[in-house]
Amino acid sequence: RMSKDELENRVGNSTLKSWAAYQQRLDAMVDQASLIALAMDDLRWYASVMSAFMCLRCLRAFRANPRLNIVLSTVQKAFTDFTHFALVLFAILCGFVVVAHSLFGR
């Protein structure tokens, strides 16, 4: 950001005729940059969700191959066991996270 004297020295014949005009255009540019940053965050979110759904769609292709269909049916039958295992693992890891945070965190 330029000082008022630097701006007045550099303006000469440019389109910015005053310090207020310069500040107004600079504020508009900063607002536009913040909107672009928010749009990039949204884009990352949409890309990750789209990737997850594309992976789930690949599971439908497993039904066409008999060997892969066996794997898919096995995973479907063991889904409740996988879910219970994931919950227990999550609870244990949360305990480790709390201990690590208390020892090494701020």
Protein backbone atom coordinates (compact mmCIF):
# COMPACT_ATOMS: atom_id res chain seq x y z
CA ARG A 1 0.00 0.00 0.00
CA MET A 2 1.39 3.38 -1.00
CA SER A 3 1.47 6.44 1.16
CA LYS A 4 -0.54 9.47 0.15
CA ASP A 5 2.56 11.36 -1.06
CA GLU A 6 3.79 8.43 -3.18
CA LEU A 7 0.39 8.11 -4.77
CA GLU A 8 0.20 11.80 -5.61
CA ASN A 9 3.68 11.63 -7.17
CA ARG A 10 2.84 8.58 -9.28
CA VAL A 11 -0.70 9.49 -10.32
CA GLY A 12 0.12 12.13 -12.88
CA ASN A 13 -2.15 11.32 -15.85
CA SER A 14 -3.56 8.00 -14.57
CA THR A 15 -7.21 7.27 -13.91
CA LEU A 16 -6.81 7.54 -10.12
CA LYS A 17 -7.24 11.23 -9.34
CA SER A 18 -7.31 11.12 -5.56
CA TRP A 19 -6.29 9.20 -2.48
CA ALA A 20 -9.94 8.26 -1.84
CA ALA A 21 -10.27 6.75 -5.32
CA TYR A 22 -7.10 4.74 -4.75
CA GLN A 23 -8.36 3.43 -1.41
CA GLN A 24 -11.74 2.59 -2.87
CA ARG A 25 -10.22 0.55 -5.71
CA LEU A 26 -7.80 -1.16 -3.31
CA ASP A 27 -10.65 -2.13 -0.96
CA ALA A 28 -12.64 -3.49 -3.90
CA MET A 29 -9.64 -5.57 -4.98
CA VAL A 30 -9.20 -6.99 -1.45
CA ASP A 31 -12.91 -7.86 -1.30
CA GLN A 32 -12.65 -9.62 -4.64
CA ALA A 33 -9.60 -11.59 -3.47
CA SER A 34 -11.44 -12.76 -0.35
CA LEU A 35 -14.37 -13.92 -2.51
CA ILE A 36 -11.95 -15.88 -4.69
CA ALA A 37 -10.44 -17.52 -1.59
CA LEU A 38 -13.90 -18.57 -0.42
CA ALA A 39 -14.69 -19.95 -3.86
CA MET A 40 -11.49 -22.03 -3.77
CA ASP A 41 -12.53 -23.52 -0.41
CA ASP A 42 -15.91 -24.41 -1.89
CA LEU A 43 -14.22 -25.94 -4.92
CA ARG A 44 -12.06 -28.18 -2.71
CA TRP A 45 -15.15 -29.35 -0.84
CA TYR A 46 -17.09 -30.12 -4.01
CA ALA A 47 -14.11 -31.94 -5.54
CA SER A 48 -13.69 -34.16 -2.49
CA VAL A 49 -17.40 -35.02 -2.35
CA MET A 50 -17.42 -35.75 -6.08
CA SER A 51 -14.40 -38.04 -5.72
CA ALA A 52 -16.07 -39.95 -2.90
CA PHE A 53 -19.21 -40.49 -4.96
CA MET A 54 -17.17 -41.60 -7.96
CA CYS A 55 -15.48 -44.23 -5.78
CA LEU A 56 -18.88 -45.43 -4.58
CA ARG A 57 -20.09 -45.69 -8.17
CA CYS A 58 -17.19 -48.01 -8.94
CA LEU A 59 -18.69 -50.50 -6.49
CA ARG A 60 -21.58 -51.03 -8.89
CA ALA A 61 -19.11 -52.20 -11.51
CA PHE A 62 -18.05 -55.01 -9.16
CA ARG A 63 -21.35 -56.78 -9.82
CA ALA A 64 -20.41 -57.45 -13.43
CA ASN A 65 -17.36 -59.57 -12.52
CA PRO A 66 -18.19 -62.76 -10.57
CA ARG A 67 -15.01 -62.68 -8.45
CA LEU A 68 -15.43 -59.04 -7.54
CA ASN A 69 -19.10 -59.68 -6.82
CA ILE A 70 -18.03 -62.22 -4.17
CA VAL A 71 -15.82 -59.56 -2.55
CA LEU A 72 -18.67 -57.04 -2.63
CA SER A 73 -21.18 -59.46 -1.08
CA THR A 74 -18.65 -60.35 1.64
CA VAL A 75 -18.13 -56.69 2.49
CA GLN A 76 -21.90 -56.16 2.58
CA LYS A 77 -22.40 -59.06 4.99
CA ALA A 78 -19.55 -57.90 7.25
CA PHE A 79 -20.56 -54.23 7.22
CA THR A 80 -21.97 -54.26 10.76
CA ASP A 81 -18.79 -55.87 12.09
CA PHE A 82 -16.69 -53.26 10.26
CA THR A 83 -18.85 -50.51 11.73
CA HIS A 84 -18.45 -51.78 15.29
CA PHE A 85 -14.71 -52.15 14.79
CA ALA A 86 -14.47 -48.58 13.47
CA LEU A 87 -16.40 -47.21 16.46
CA VAL A 88 -14.16 -49.00 18.98
CA LEU A 89 -11.02 -47.91 17.10
CA PHE A 90 -12.30 -44.32 17.01
CA ALA A 91 -12.95 -44.33 20.76
CA ILE A 92 -9.47 -45.68 21.51
CA LEU A 93 -7.79 -43.21 19.17
CA CYS A 94 -9.71 -40.32 20.72
CA GLY A 95 -8.24 -41.30 24.09
CA PHE A 96 -4.75 -41.24 22.60
CA VAL A 97 -5.43 -37.85 21.04
CA VAL A 98 -6.56 -36.37 24.36
CA VAL A 99 -3.47 -37.71 26.15
CA ALA A 100 -1.12 -36.52 23.39
CA HIS A 101 -2.74 -33.09 23.35
CA SER A 102 -2.44 -32.73 27.10
CA LEU A 103 1.23 -33.81 27.03
CA PHE A 104 2.46 -32.06 23.88
CA GLY A 105 -0.21 -29.49 23.04
CA ARG A 106 -0.32 -25.87 24.04
